[in-house]
């Protein structure tokens, strides 16, 4: 049977997440036809999304009073009941389970009802294996259902079935490449694999953000990975400070003659070439090989993040000390030694505790 035009318009508004407008339209429809079960169910859905649980239960109760075995009404009624805390209102959770059991009696082959009941039961530690079995049945009944695979990944995670959890997540992304939660969880798995570098982790998060640009969790993790990248450049600056100190022979060994000062110009220029190579291969080349999204986030993070700017300032300060040590024709070692420790100590002291700072 063709739905009433008002219901079709309401479906469009719900799809656009304009729930208030949809609820108003459905209210007008119900004023005309109070026995329209489909309108009551849609109204209940709008109220559930808006957090109006009591109103939703009333609307869905009206639907079930008129059609006690309506599958959509039973499933939405259970979802509204689940909004209650199961410790504070256990009676509502029992009613939710009863509604879902009734939905399965009405249609034992309904994948969505299996998935809903699976996600409901996984909150009970002693029933997680039952929930996992229900989710697997939901997938069997409808192998192309995103809801079924979402129920499977959640119940598998709750039951400790790691391989099933990972497989179900991949299946969700196969069917819905922009699924926010699945993208976030899969990206977390990829980025936290043993041996994954900061650059690789940043690229994983950047790829996921390209598919789900509004995902705040992915954006936060991209910032963290980018910050790890920036933290690494301080080691390059410290290597340059060490190279400058070796060239000037700041700390000659006991019994060995110290190198004559000033250091010849050729040696000073040579250490400058070495420093340029360190930065060229360790930073510039690495930066240029990053994907555009990560490069843009590096610049953005430097503008937004106070600790990101601290990291760059420390690297710049250490490099300034390295250049002063290596390029000026010192005739004695006192000032170069002061510059050496000034470039080395503040940076090293910060490296050990700023890893968990917000970028």
C-alpha atoms as a PDB file:
ATOM      1  CA  UNK A   1       0.000   0.000   0.000  1.00  0.00           C
ATOM      2  CA  UNK A   2       1.274   3.446  -0.945  1.00  0.00           C
ATOM      3  CA  UNK A   3       2.119   5.539   2.170  1.00  0.00           C
ATOM      4  CA  UNK A   4       0.173   8.734   2.766  1.00  0.00           C
ATOM      5  CA  UNK A   5       1.977  11.783   1.261  1.00  0.00           C
ATOM      6  CA  UNK A   6       2.416  13.228   4.754  1.00  0.00           C
ATOM      7  CA  UNK A   7       4.347  10.097   5.781  1.00  0.00           C
ATOM      8  CA  UNK A   8       6.545  10.316   2.708  1.00  0.00           C
ATOM      9  CA  UNK A   9       7.338  13.938   3.526  1.00  0.00           C
ATOM     10  CA  UNK A  10       8.048  12.971   7.131  1.00  0.00           C
ATOM     11  CA  UNK A  11      10.439  10.246   5.940  1.00  0.00           C
ATOM     12  CA  UNK A  12      12.358  12.829   3.906  1.00  0.00           C
ATOM     13  CA  UNK A  13      12.571  15.187   6.900  1.00  0.00           C
ATOM     14  CA  UNK A  14      13.743  12.334   9.161  1.00  0.00           C
ATOM     15  CA  UNK A  15      16.389  11.397   6.602  1.00  0.00           C
ATOM     16  CA  UNK A  16      17.577  15.023   6.701  1.00  0.00           C
ATOM     17  CA  UNK A  17      17.552  14.856  10.543  1.00  0.00           C
ATOM     18  CA  UNK A  18      14.958  17.620  10.739  1.00  0.00           C
ATOM     19  CA  UNK A  19      13.106  15.797  13.467  1.00  0.00           C
ATOM     20  CA  UNK A  20      11.125  18.735  14.870  1.00  0.00           C
ATOM     21  CA  UNK A  21       9.596  19.483  11.476  1.00  0.00           C
ATOM     22  CA  UNK A  22       8.834  15.813  10.920  1.00  0.00           C
ATOM     23  CA  UNK A  23       7.156  15.557  14.339  1.00  0.00           C
ATOM     24  CA  UNK A  24       5.007  18.626  13.610  1.00  0.00           C
ATOM     25  CA  UNK A  25       3.952  17.177  10.252  1.00  0.00           C
ATOM     26  CA  UNK A  26       3.119  13.819  11.826  1.00  0.00           C
ATOM     27  CA  UNK A  27       1.118  15.547  14.553  1.00  0.00           C
ATOM     28  CA  UNK A  28      -1.045  17.162  11.900  1.00  0.00           C
ATOM     29  CA  UNK A  29      -1.477  13.804  10.163  1.00  0.00           C
ATOM     30  CA  UNK A  30      -2.569  12.130  13.411  1.00  0.00           C
ATOM     31  CA  UNK A  31      -5.031  14.899  14.093  1.00  0.00           C
ATOM     32  CA  UNK A  32      -6.664  13.914  10.794  1.00  0.00           C
ATOM     33  CA  UNK A  33      -6.283  10.141  11.196  1.00  0.00           C
ATOM     34  CA  UNK A  34      -5.639   8.988  14.802  1.00  0.00           C
ATOM     35  CA  UNK A  35      -5.483   5.313  13.750  1.00  0.00           C
ATOM     36  CA  UNK A  36      -2.487   5.727  11.414  1.00  0.00           C
ATOM     37  CA  UNK A  37      -0.047   3.263  13.031  1.00  0.00           C
ATOM     38  CA  UNK A  38       2.823   4.212  10.733  1.00  0.00           C
ATOM     39  CA  UNK A  39       2.465   7.871  11.743  1.00  0.00           C
ATOM     40  CA  UNK A  40       2.557   6.932  15.440  1.00  0.00           C
ATOM     41  CA  UNK A  41       5.731   4.887  14.905  1.00  0.00           C
ATOM     42  CA  UNK A  42       7.446   7.695  12.997  1.00  0.00           C
ATOM     43  CA  UNK A  43       6.431  10.197  15.647  1.00  0.00           C
ATOM     44  CA  UNK A  44       7.839   7.911  18.326  1.00  0.00           C
ATOM     45  CA  UNK A  45      11.121   7.712  16.410  1.00  0.00           C
ATOM     46  CA  UNK A  46      11.383  11.507  16.242  1.00  0.00           C
ATOM     47  CA  UNK A  47      10.736  11.748  19.973  1.00  0.00           C
ATOM     48  CA  UNK A  48      13.324   9.053  20.796  1.00  0.00           C
ATOM     49  CA  UNK A  49      15.989  10.921  18.825  1.00  0.00           C
ATOM     50  CA  UNK A  50      15.020  14.175  20.559  1.00  0.00           C
ATOM     51  CA  UNK A  51      15.413  12.515  23.961  1.00  0.00           C
ATOM     52  CA  UNK A  52      11.690  12.771  24.732  1.00  0.00           C
ATOM     53  CA  UNK A  53      11.467   9.232  26.055  1.00  0.00           C
ATOM     54  CA  UNK A  54       8.149   9.506  27.897  1.00  0.00           C
ATOM     55  CA  UNK A  55       6.413  11.113  24.928  1.00  0.00           C
ATOM     56  CA  UNK A  56       7.921   8.452  22.655  1.00  0.00           C
ATOM     57  CA  UNK A  57       6.614   5.658  24.879  1.00  0.00           C
ATOM     58  CA  UNK A  58       3.163   7.220  24.760  1.00  0.00           C
ATOM     59  CA  UNK A  59       3.229   7.514  20.956  1.00  0.00           C
ATOM     60  CA  UNK A  60       4.516   3.984  20.473  1.00  0.00           C
ATOM     61  CA  UNK A  61       2.007   2.686  22.999  1.00  0.00           C
ATOM     62  CA  UNK A  62      -0.717   4.192  20.811  1.00  0.00           C
ATOM     63  CA  UNK A  63       0.740   2.338  17.819  1.00  0.00           C
ATOM     64  CA  UNK A  64       0.885  -0.989  19.673  1.00  0.00           C
ATOM     65  CA  UNK A  65      -2.618  -0.545  21.032  1.00  0.00           C
ATOM     66  CA  UNK A  66      -3.826  -0.418  17.425  1.00  0.00           C
ATOM     67  CA  UNK A  67      -1.405  -3.034  16.063  1.00  0.00           C
ATOM     68  CA  UNK A  68       0.101  -5.214  18.848  1.00  0.00           C
ATOM     69  CA  UNK A  69       2.215  -7.219  16.399  1.00  0.00           C
ATOM     70  CA  UNK A  70       3.536  -4.338  14.319  1.00  0.00           C
ATOM     71  CA  UNK A  71       7.247  -5.065  13.923  1.00  0.00           C
ATOM     72  CA  UNK A  72       8.348  -1.440  13.543  1.00  0.00           C
ATOM     73  CA  UNK A  73       6.384  -0.364  16.600  1.00  0.00           C
ATOM     74  CA  UNK A  74       7.793  -3.202  18.718  1.00  0.00           C
ATOM     75  CA  UNK A  75      11.410  -2.448  17.743  1.00  0.00           C
ATOM     76  CA  UNK A  76      11.062   1.306  18.278  1.00  0.00           C
ATOM     77  CA  UNK A  77       9.249   0.731  21.577  1.00  0.00           C
ATOM     78  CA  UNK A  78      12.165  -1.409  22.762  1.00  0.00           C
ATOM     79  CA  UNK A  79      14.642   1.275  21.726  1.00  0.00           C
ATOM     80  CA  UNK A  80      12.716   3.896  23.690  1.00  0.00           C
ATOM     81  CA  UNK A  81      12.618   1.656  26.762  1.00  0.00           C
ATOM     82  CA  UNK A  82      16.378   1.069  26.486  1.00  0.00           C
ATOM     83  CA  UNK A  83      16.986   4.772  27.083  1.00  0.00           C
ATOM     84  CA  UNK A  84      16.263   4.118  30.769  1.00  0.00           C
ATOM     85  CA  UNK A  85      19.158   3.157  33.038  1.00  0.00           C
ATOM     86  CA  UNK A  86      18.874  -0.618  33.467  1.00  0.00           C
ATOM     87  CA  UNK A  87      20.067  -0.390  37.089  1.00  0.00           C
ATOM     88  CA  UNK A  88      17.621   2.327  38.088  1.00  0.00           C
ATOM     89  CA  UNK A  89      14.660   1.096  36.035  1.00  0.00           C
ATOM     90  CA  UNK A  90      15.119  -2.670  35.501  1.00  0.00           C
ATOM     91  CA  UNK A  91      11.397  -3.076  34.790  1.00  0.00           C
ATOM     92  CA  UNK A  92      11.721  -1.026  31.598  1.00  0.00           C
ATOM     93  CA  UNK A  93      14.641  -3.114  30.401  1.00  0.00           C
ATOM     94  CA  UNK A  94      12.597  -6.264  30.979  1.00  0.00           C
ATOM     95  CA  UNK A  95       9.788  -4.749  28.926  1.00  0.00           C
ATOM     96  CA  UNK A  96      12.284  -3.859  26.179  1.00  0.00           C
ATOM     97  CA  UNK A  97      13.478  -7.456  25.993  1.00  0.00           C
ATOM     98  CA  UNK A  98       9.875  -8.687  25.934  1.00  0.00           C
ATOM     99  CA  UNK A  99       9.092  -6.345  23.032  1.00  0.00           C
ATOM    100  CA  UNK A 100      12.070  -7.622  21.043  1.00  0.00           C
ATOM    101  CA  UNK A 101      11.202 -11.255  21.800  1.00  0.00           C
ATOM    102  CA  UNK A 102       7.704 -10.512  20.562  1.00  0.00           C
ATOM    103  CA  UNK A 103       9.148  -8.973  17.385  1.00  0.00           C
ATOM    104  CA  UNK A 104      11.074 -12.201  16.747  1.00  0.00           C
ATOM    105  CA  UNK A 105       7.937 -14.259  17.305  1.00  0.00           C
ATOM    106  CA  UNK A 106       6.159 -12.081  14.754  1.00  0.00           C
ATOM    107  CA  UNK A 107       9.006 -12.417  12.242  1.00  0.00           C
ATOM    108  CA  UNK A 108      11.662 -15.019  13.191  1.00  0.00           C
ATOM    109  CA  UNK A 109      13.638 -14.198  10.032  1.00  0.00           C
ATOM    110  CA  UNK A 110      13.979 -10.482  10.751  1.00  0.00           C
ATOM    111  CA  UNK A 111      17.668  -9.552  10.846  1.00  0.00           C
ATOM    112  CA  UNK A 112      17.084  -6.118  12.391  1.00  0.00           C
ATOM    113  CA  UNK A 113      15.164  -7.544  15.358  1.00  0.00           C
ATOM    114  CA  UNK A 114      17.970 -10.065  15.974  1.00  0.00           C
ATOM    115  CA  UNK A 115      20.536  -7.257  15.849  1.00  0.00           C
ATOM    116  CA  UNK A 116      18.582  -5.067  18.279  1.00  0.00           C
ATOM    117  CA  UNK A 117      18.134  -7.888  20.771  1.00  0.00           C
ATOM    118  CA  UNK A 118      21.836  -8.787  20.486  1.00  0.00           C
ATOM    119  CA  UNK A 119      22.900  -5.229  21.292  1.00  0.00           C
ATOM    120  CA  UNK A 120      20.443  -5.175  24.174  1.00  0.00           C
ATOM    121  CA  UNK A 121      21.656  -8.415  25.767  1.00  0.00           C
ATOM    122  CA  UNK A 122      25.362  -7.567  25.499  1.00  0.00           C
ATOM    123  CA  UNK A 123      24.945  -5.153  28.434  1.00  0.00           C
ATOM    124  CA  UNK A 124      24.415  -8.170  30.673  1.00  0.00           C
ATOM    125  CA  UNK A 125      27.828  -9.811  31.304  1.00  0.00           C
ATOM    126  CA  UNK A 126      26.303 -13.268  31.760  1.00  0.00           C
ATOM    127  CA  UNK A 127      24.395 -13.085  28.451  1.00  0.00           C
ATOM    128  CA  UNK A 128      27.078 -11.873  26.067  1.00  0.00           C
ATOM    129  CA  UNK A 129      27.523 -15.232  24.345  1.00  0.00           C
ATOM    130  CA  UNK A 130      23.786 -15.328  23.697  1.00  0.00           C
ATOM    131  CA  UNK A 131      24.033 -11.798  22.310  1.00  0.00           C
ATOM    132  CA  UNK A 132      26.899 -12.859  20.041  1.00  0.00           C
ATOM    133  CA  UNK A 133      24.879 -15.785  18.699  1.00  0.00           C
ATOM    134  CA  UNK A 134      21.954 -13.472  17.946  1.00  0.00           C
ATOM    135  CA  UNK A 135      24.245 -11.059  16.094  1.00  0.00           C
ATOM    136  CA  UNK A 136      25.705 -13.895  14.031  1.00  0.00           C
ATOM    137  CA  UNK A 137      22.161 -14.964  13.175  1.00  0.00           C
ATOM    138  CA  UNK A 138      21.355 -11.383  12.126  1.00  0.00           C
ATOM    139  CA  UNK A 139      24.312 -11.470   9.724  1.00  0.00           C
ATOM    140  CA  UNK A 140      23.262 -14.867   8.386  1.00  0.00           C
ATOM    141  CA  UNK A 141      19.748 -13.623   7.730  1.00  0.00           C
ATOM    142  CA  UNK A 142      20.942 -10.469   5.969  1.00  0.00           C
ATOM    143  CA  UNK A 143      24.626 -10.504   4.904  1.00  0.00           C
ATOM    144  CA  UNK A 144      24.311  -6.992   3.458  1.00  0.00           C
ATOM    145  CA  UNK A 145      22.916  -5.304   6.580  1.00  0.00           C
ATOM    146  CA  UNK A 146      25.054  -2.641   8.246  1.00  0.00           C
ATOM    147  CA  UNK A 147      22.943  -2.953  11.408  1.00  0.00           C
ATOM    148  CA  UNK A 148      23.682  -6.690  11.606  1.00  0.00           C
ATOM    149  CA  UNK A 149      27.450  -6.193  11.313  1.00  0.00           C
ATOM    150  CA  UNK A 150      27.354  -3.336  13.821  1.00  0.00           C
ATOM    151  CA  UNK A 151      25.634  -5.624  16.302  1.00  0.00           C
ATOM    152  CA  UNK A 152      28.230  -8.312  15.567  1.00  0.00           C
ATOM    153  CA  UNK A 153      31.221  -6.065  16.158  1.00  0.00           C
ATOM    154  CA  UNK A 154      29.783  -4.707  19.390  1.00  0.00           C
ATOM    155  CA  UNK A 155      28.771  -8.070  20.802  1.00  0.00           C
ATOM    156  CA  UNK A 156      32.030  -9.680  19.687  1.00  0.00           C
ATOM    157  CA  UNK A 157      33.960  -6.903  21.411  1.00  0.00           C
ATOM    158  CA  UNK A 158      31.933  -7.366  24.588  1.00  0.00           C
ATOM    159  CA  UNK A 159      32.468 -11.138  24.453  1.00  0.00           C
ATOM    160  CA  UNK A 160      36.210 -10.848  23.754  1.00  0.00           C
ATOM    161  CA  UNK A 161      36.009 -12.368  20.246  1.00  0.00           C
ATOM    162  CA  UNK A 162      38.783 -10.238  18.742  1.00  0.00           C
ATOM    163  CA  UNK A 163      38.934 -11.745  15.260  1.00  0.00           C
ATOM    164  CA  UNK A 164      35.164 -11.604  14.813  1.00  0.00           C
ATOM    165  CA  UNK A 165      35.200  -8.019  16.083  1.00  0.00           C
ATOM    166  CA  UNK A 166      37.814  -6.952  13.513  1.00  0.00           C
ATOM    167  CA  UNK A 167      36.107  -8.805  10.673  1.00  0.00           C
ATOM    168  CA  UNK A 168      32.712  -7.269  11.443  1.00  0.00           C
ATOM    169  CA  UNK A 169      34.211  -3.770  11.510  1.00  0.00           C
ATOM    170  CA  UNK A 170      35.689  -4.329   8.051  1.00  0.00           C
ATOM    171  CA  UNK A 171      32.329  -5.515   6.779  1.00  0.00           C
ATOM    172  CA  UNK A 172      30.636  -2.369   8.072  1.00  0.00           C
ATOM    173  CA  UNK A 173      33.132  -0.231   6.155  1.00  0.00           C
ATOM    174  CA  UNK A 174      32.620  -2.365   3.063  1.00  0.00           C
ATOM    175  CA  UNK A 175      28.922  -1.562   3.163  1.00  0.00           C
ATOM    176  CA  UNK A 176      29.165   1.959   4.608  1.00  0.00           C
ATOM    177  CA  UNK A 177      32.619   3.520   3.949  1.00  0.00           C
ATOM    178  CA  UNK A 178      31.681   6.692   5.857  1.00  0.00           C
ATOM    179  CA  UNK A 179      30.497   5.007   9.066  1.00  0.00           C
ATOM    180  CA  UNK A 180      31.990   7.264  11.738  1.00  0.00           C
ATOM    181  CA  UNK A 181      32.394   4.772  14.560  1.00  0.00           C
ATOM    182  CA  UNK A 182      33.742   1.981  12.381  1.00  0.00           C
ATOM    183  CA  UNK A 183      36.235   4.341  10.724  1.00  0.00           C
ATOM    184  CA  UNK A 184      37.441   5.496  14.112  1.00  0.00           C
ATOM    185  CA  UNK A 185      37.873   1.993  15.515  1.00  0.00           C
ATOM    186  CA  UNK A 186      39.588   0.587  12.403  1.00  0.00           C
ATOM    187  CA  UNK A 187      41.908   3.591  12.265  1.00  0.00           C
ATOM    188  CA  UNK A 188      42.776   3.062  15.926  1.00  0.00           C
ATOM    189  CA  UNK A 189      43.660  -0.555  15.184  1.00  0.00           C
ATOM    190  CA  UNK A 190      45.867   0.394  12.237  1.00  0.00           C
ATOM    191  CA  UNK A 191      47.584   3.270  14.011  1.00  0.00           C
ATOM    192  CA  UNK A 192      48.373   1.242  17.141  1.00  0.00           C
ATOM    193  CA  UNK A 193      49.883  -1.763  15.410  1.00  0.00           C
ATOM    194  CA  UNK A 194      53.380  -2.542  16.714  1.00  0.00           C
ATOM    195  CA  UNK A 195      56.009  -0.724  14.676  1.00  0.00           C
ATOM    196  CA  UNK A 196      53.653   1.904  13.242  1.00  0.00           C
ATOM    197  CA  UNK A 197      55.481   5.232  12.983  1.00  0.00           C
ATOM    198  CA  UNK A 198      53.976   8.615  13.782  1.00  0.00           C
ATOM    199  CA  UNK A 199      53.909   9.459  10.059  1.00  0.00           C
ATOM    200  CA  UNK A 200      52.084   6.231   9.219  1.00  0.00           C
ATOM    201  CA  UNK A 201      49.580   6.767  12.037  1.00  0.00           C
ATOM    202  CA  UNK A 202      48.945  10.332  10.866  1.00  0.00           C
ATOM    203  CA  UNK A 203      48.276   9.121   7.329  1.00  0.00           C
ATOM    204  CA  UNK A 204      45.840   6.471   8.595  1.00  0.00           C
ATOM    205  CA  UNK A 205      43.865   9.110  10.487  1.00  0.00           C
ATOM    206  CA  UNK A 206      44.019  11.568   7.576  1.00  0.00           C
ATOM    207  CA  UNK A 207      42.605   8.932   5.199  1.00  0.00           C
ATOM    208  CA  UNK A 208      39.779   8.179   7.612  1.00  0.00           C
ATOM    209  CA  UNK A 209      39.005  11.878   8.058  1.00  0.00           C
ATOM    210  CA  UNK A 210      38.720  12.278   4.308  1.00  0.00           C
ATOM    211  CA  UNK A 211      35.780   9.867   4.467  1.00  0.00           C
ATOM    212  CA  UNK A 212      34.305  11.256   7.710  1.00  0.00           C
ATOM    213  CA  UNK A 213      35.401  14.914   8.031  1.00  0.00           C
ATOM    214  CA  UNK A 214      33.114  15.599  11.017  1.00  0.00           C
ATOM    215  CA  UNK A 215      34.540  12.841  13.220  1.00  0.00           C
ATOM    216  CA  UNK A 216      36.023  14.659  16.226  1.00  0.00           C
ATOM    217  CA  UNK A 217      37.703  11.511  17.561  1.00  0.00           C
ATOM    218  CA  UNK A 218      39.648  11.029  14.328  1.00  0.00           C
ATOM    219  CA  UNK A 219      40.611  14.702  14.265  1.00  0.00           C
ATOM    220  CA  UNK A 220      41.903  14.505  17.825  1.00  0.00           C
ATOM    221  CA  UNK A 221      43.957  11.401  17.030  1.00  0.00           C
ATOM    222  CA  UNK A 222      45.342  13.012  13.874  1.00  0.00           C
ATOM    223  CA  UNK A 223      46.483  15.944  15.999  1.00  0.00           C
ATOM    224  CA  UNK A 224      48.148  13.548  18.447  1.00  0.00           C
ATOM    225  CA  UNK A 225      49.966  11.702  15.658  1.00  0.00           C
ATOM    226  CA  UNK A 226      51.036  15.008  14.092  1.00  0.00           C
ATOM    227  CA  UNK A 227      52.324  16.160  17.454  1.00  0.00           C
ATOM    228  CA  UNK A 228      54.407  12.981  17.680  1.00  0.00           C
ATOM    229  CA  UNK A 229      55.875  13.894  14.296  1.00  0.00           C
ATOM    230  CA  UNK A 230      56.771  17.376  15.484  1.00  0.00           C
ATOM    231  CA  UNK A 231      58.298  16.053  18.711  1.00  0.00           C
ATOM    232  CA  UNK A 232      60.686  13.959  16.634  1.00  0.00           C
ATOM    233  CA  UNK A 233      62.337  16.958  14.991  1.00  0.00           C
ATOM    234  CA  UNK A 234      63.917  17.997  18.302  1.00  0.00           C
ATOM    235  CA  UNK A 235      66.155  14.936  18.120  1.00  0.00           C
ATOM    236  CA  UNK A 236      67.467  16.196  14.795  1.00  0.00           C
ATOM    237  CA  UNK A 237      68.341  19.527  16.405  1.00  0.00           C
ATOM    238  CA  UNK A 238      70.058  17.745  19.312  1.00  0.00           C
ATOM    239  CA  UNK A 239      72.116  15.640  16.887  1.00  0.00           C
ATOM    240  CA  UNK A 240      73.253  18.887  15.263  1.00  0.00           C
ATOM    241  CA  UNK A 241      74.232  20.292  18.677  1.00  0.00           C
ATOM    242  CA  UNK A 242      76.234  17.126  19.364  1.00  0.00           C
ATOM    243  CA  UNK A 243      77.912  17.352  15.934  1.00  0.00           C
ATOM    244  CA  UNK A 244      78.881  20.971  16.610  1.00  0.00           C
ATOM    245  CA  UNK A 245      80.297  20.022  20.007  1.00  0.00           C
ATOM    246  CA  UNK A 246      82.398  17.213  18.478  1.00  0.00           C
ATOM    247  CA  UNK A 247      83.758  19.545  15.793  1.00  0.00           C
ATOM    248  CA  UNK A 248      84.917  22.125  18.326  1.00  0.00           C
ATOM    249  CA  UNK A 249      86.145  19.316  20.637  1.00  0.00           C
ATOM    250  CA  UNK A 250      84.358  20.839  23.611  1.00  0.00           C
ATOM    251  CA  UNK A 251      85.201  17.975  25.949  1.00  0.00           C
ATOM    252  CA  UNK A 252      88.668  16.619  25.109  1.00  0.00           C
ATOM    253  CA  UNK A 253      89.619  13.277  26.648  1.00  0.00           C
ATOM    254  CA  UNK A 254      92.110  13.208  29.497  1.00  0.00           C
ATOM    255  CA  UNK A 255      95.634  12.804  28.199  1.00  0.00           C
ATOM    256  CA  UNK A 256      94.723  13.915  24.668  1.00  0.00           C
ATOM    257  CA  UNK A 257      95.577  17.259  23.172  1.00  0.00           C
ATOM    258  CA  UNK A 258      92.554  19.424  22.478  1.00  0.00           C
ATOM    259  CA  UNK A 259      91.920  20.500  18.900  1.00  0.00           C
ATOM    260  CA  UNK A 260      93.392  23.885  18.087  1.00  0.00           C
ATOM    261  CA  UNK A 261      91.022  26.819  17.895  1.00  0.00           C
ATOM    262  CA  UNK A 262      89.674  28.457  15.866  1.00  0.00           C
ATOM    263  CA  UNK A 263      88.444  25.532  13.779  1.00  0.00           C
ATOM    264  CA  UNK A 264      89.413  25.943  10.099  1.00  0.00           C
ATOM    265  CA  UNK A 265      86.729  27.390   7.818  1.00  0.00           C
ATOM    266  CA  UNK A 266      86.605  24.202   5.722  1.00  0.00           C
ATOM    267  CA  UNK A 267      85.701  22.130   8.798  1.00  0.00           C
ATOM    268  CA  UNK A 268      83.042  24.635   9.812  1.00  0.00           C
ATOM    269  CA  UNK A 269      81.487  24.532   6.352  1.00  0.00           C
ATOM    270  CA  UNK A 270      81.649  20.745   6.302  1.00  0.00           C
ATOM    271  CA  UNK A 271      79.683  20.403   9.567  1.00  0.00           C
ATOM    272  CA  UNK A 272      77.155  22.818   8.070  1.00  0.00           C
ATOM    273  CA  UNK A 273      76.717  20.410   5.149  1.00  0.00           C
ATOM    274  CA  UNK A 274      76.245  17.546   7.618  1.00  0.00           C
ATOM    275  CA  UNK A 275      73.547  19.515   9.477  1.00  0.00           C
ATOM    276  CA  UNK A 276      71.797  20.344   6.210  1.00  0.00           C
ATOM    277  CA  UNK A 277      71.813  16.642   5.303  1.00  0.00           C
ATOM    278  CA  UNK A 278      70.375  15.703   8.699  1.00  0.00           C
ATOM    279  CA  UNK A 279      67.491  18.117   8.250  1.00  0.00           C
ATOM    280  CA  UNK A 280      67.064  17.385   4.563  1.00  0.00           C
ATOM    281  CA  UNK A 281      66.687  13.633   4.996  1.00  0.00           C
ATOM    282  CA  UNK A 282      65.297  13.595   8.523  1.00  0.00           C
ATOM    283  CA  UNK A 283      62.700  16.347   8.219  1.00  0.00           C
ATOM    284  CA  UNK A 284      62.224  18.015   4.830  1.00  0.00           C
ATOM    285  CA  UNK A 285      62.261  14.850   2.718  1.00  0.00           C
ATOM    286  CA  UNK A 286      60.058  13.106   5.240  1.00  0.00           C
ATOM    287  CA  UNK A 287      57.629  16.039   5.304  1.00  0.00           C
ATOM    288  CA  UNK A 288      57.406  16.203   1.524  1.00  0.00           C
ATOM    289  CA  UNK A 289      56.548  12.487   1.378  1.00  0.00           C
ATOM    290  CA  UNK A 290      53.596  12.946   3.729  1.00  0.00           C
ATOM    291  CA  UNK A 291      50.158  13.072   2.197  1.00  0.00           C
ATOM    292  CA  UNK A 292      48.649  16.474   1.615  1.00  0.00           C
ATOM    293  CA  UNK A 293      46.140  16.059   4.425  1.00  0.00           C
ATOM    294  CA  UNK A 294      48.896  15.419   6.961  1.00  0.00           C
ATOM    295  CA  UNK A 295      50.989  18.330   5.665  1.00  0.00           C
ATOM    296  CA  UNK A 296      48.021  20.648   6.043  1.00  0.00           C
ATOM    297  CA  UNK A 297      47.413  19.378   9.574  1.00  0.00           C
ATOM    298  CA  UNK A 298      51.050  20.013  10.520  1.00  0.00           C
ATOM    299  CA  UNK A 299      50.618  23.680   9.587  1.00  0.00           C
ATOM    300  CA  UNK A 300      47.223  23.848  11.237  1.00  0.00           C
ATOM    301  CA  UNK A 301      48.467  22.280  14.464  1.00  0.00           C
ATOM    302  CA  UNK A 302      51.361  24.714  14.694  1.00  0.00           C
ATOM    303  CA  UNK A 303      48.861  27.573  14.482  1.00  0.00           C
ATOM    304  CA  UNK A 304      46.442  26.012  16.982  1.00  0.00           C
ATOM    305  CA  UNK A 305      48.559  24.081  19.474  1.00  0.00           C
ATOM    306  CA  UNK A 306      50.650  25.776  22.142  1.00  0.00           C
ATOM    307  CA  UNK A 307      52.815  22.692  22.763  1.00  0.00           C
ATOM    308  CA  UNK A 308      53.352  22.246  19.042  1.00  0.00           C
ATOM    309  CA  UNK A 309      54.809  25.762  18.965  1.00  0.00           C
ATOM    310  CA  UNK A 310      56.927  24.971  22.035  1.00  0.00           C
ATOM    311  CA  UNK A 311      58.384  21.968  20.219  1.00  0.00           C
ATOM    312  CA  UNK A 312      59.290  24.055  17.178  1.00  0.00           C
ATOM    313  CA  UNK A 313      60.743  26.804  19.370  1.00  0.00           C
ATOM    314  CA  UNK A 314      62.933  24.290  21.195  1.00  0.00           C
ATOM    315  CA  UNK A 315      64.188  22.807  17.931  1.00  0.00           C
ATOM    316  CA  UNK A 316      64.928  26.298  16.614  1.00  0.00           C
ATOM    317  CA  UNK A 317      66.746  27.238  19.824  1.00  0.00           C
ATOM    318  CA  UNK A 318      68.876  24.083  19.760  1.00  0.00           C
ATOM    319  CA  UNK A 319      69.743  24.700  16.101  1.00  0.00           C
ATOM    320  CA  UNK A 320      70.695  28.301  16.850  1.00  0.00           C
ATOM    321  CA  UNK A 321      73.073  27.066  19.552  1.00  0.00           C
ATOM    322  CA  UNK A 322      74.501  24.448  17.151  1.00  0.00           C
ATOM    323  CA  UNK A 323      75.125  27.095  14.466  1.00  0.00           C
ATOM    324  CA  UNK A 324      76.734  29.526  16.904  1.00  0.00           C
ATOM    325  CA  UNK A 325      79.020  26.786  18.203  1.00  0.00           C
ATOM    326  CA  UNK A 326      80.021  25.510  14.783  1.00  0.00           C
ATOM    327  CA  UNK A 327      80.194  28.605  12.611  1.00  0.00           C
ATOM    328  CA  UNK A 328      81.844  31.267  14.751  1.00  0.00           C
ATOM    329  CA  UNK A 329      85.674  31.174  14.912  1.00  0.00           C
ATOM    330  CA  UNK A 330      85.981  30.598  18.650  1.00  0.00           C
ATOM    331  CA  UNK A 331      89.389  30.978  20.195  1.00  0.00           C
ATOM    332  CA  UNK A 332      88.458  29.396  23.534  1.00  0.00           C
ATOM    333  CA  UNK A 333      85.861  26.860  24.667  1.00  0.00           C
ATOM    334  CA  UNK A 334      84.035  28.498  27.585  1.00  0.00           C
ATOM    335  CA  UNK A 335      81.261  30.191  25.609  1.00  0.00           C
ATOM    336  CA  UNK A 336      80.747  27.257  23.191  1.00  0.00           C
ATOM    337  CA  UNK A 337      80.366  24.955  26.218  1.00  0.00           C
ATOM    338  CA  UNK A 338      77.691  27.261  27.680  1.00  0.00           C
ATOM    339  CA  UNK A 339      75.889  27.271  24.311  1.00  0.00           C
ATOM    340  CA  UNK A 340      76.165  23.485  24.117  1.00  0.00           C
ATOM    341  CA  UNK A 341      74.470  22.935  27.462  1.00  0.00           C
ATOM    342  CA  UNK A 342      71.953  25.715  26.779  1.00  0.00           C
ATOM    343  CA  UNK A 343      70.880  23.967  23.583  1.00  0.00           C
ATOM    344  CA  UNK A 344      70.928  20.466  25.051  1.00  0.00           C
ATOM    345  CA  UNK A 345      69.547  20.560  28.599  1.00  0.00           C
ATOM    346  CA  UNK A 346      66.234  22.499  28.218  1.00  0.00           C
ATOM    347  CA  UNK A 347      65.211  20.374  25.244  1.00  0.00           C
ATOM    348  CA  UNK A 348      66.124  17.044  26.840  1.00  0.00           C
ATOM    349  CA  UNK A 349      64.402  18.045  30.070  1.00  0.00           C
ATOM    350  CA  UNK A 350      61.154  18.669  28.166  1.00  0.00           C
ATOM    351  CA  UNK A 351      61.266  15.595  25.919  1.00  0.00           C
ATOM    352  CA  UNK A 352      60.766  13.213  28.831  1.00  0.00           C
ATOM    353  CA  UNK A 353      57.465  14.663  30.087  1.00  0.00           C
ATOM    354  CA  UNK A 354      55.672  16.407  27.225  1.00  0.00           C
ATOM    355  CA  UNK A 355      54.672  13.265  25.316  1.00  0.00           C
ATOM    356  CA  UNK A 356      51.195  13.200  26.872  1.00  0.00           C
ATOM    357  CA  UNK A 357      50.602  16.924  26.647  1.00  0.00           C
ATOM    358  CA  UNK A 358      47.764  18.150  24.469  1.00  0.00           C
ATOM    359  CA  UNK A 359      49.282  19.494  21.266  1.00  0.00           C
END
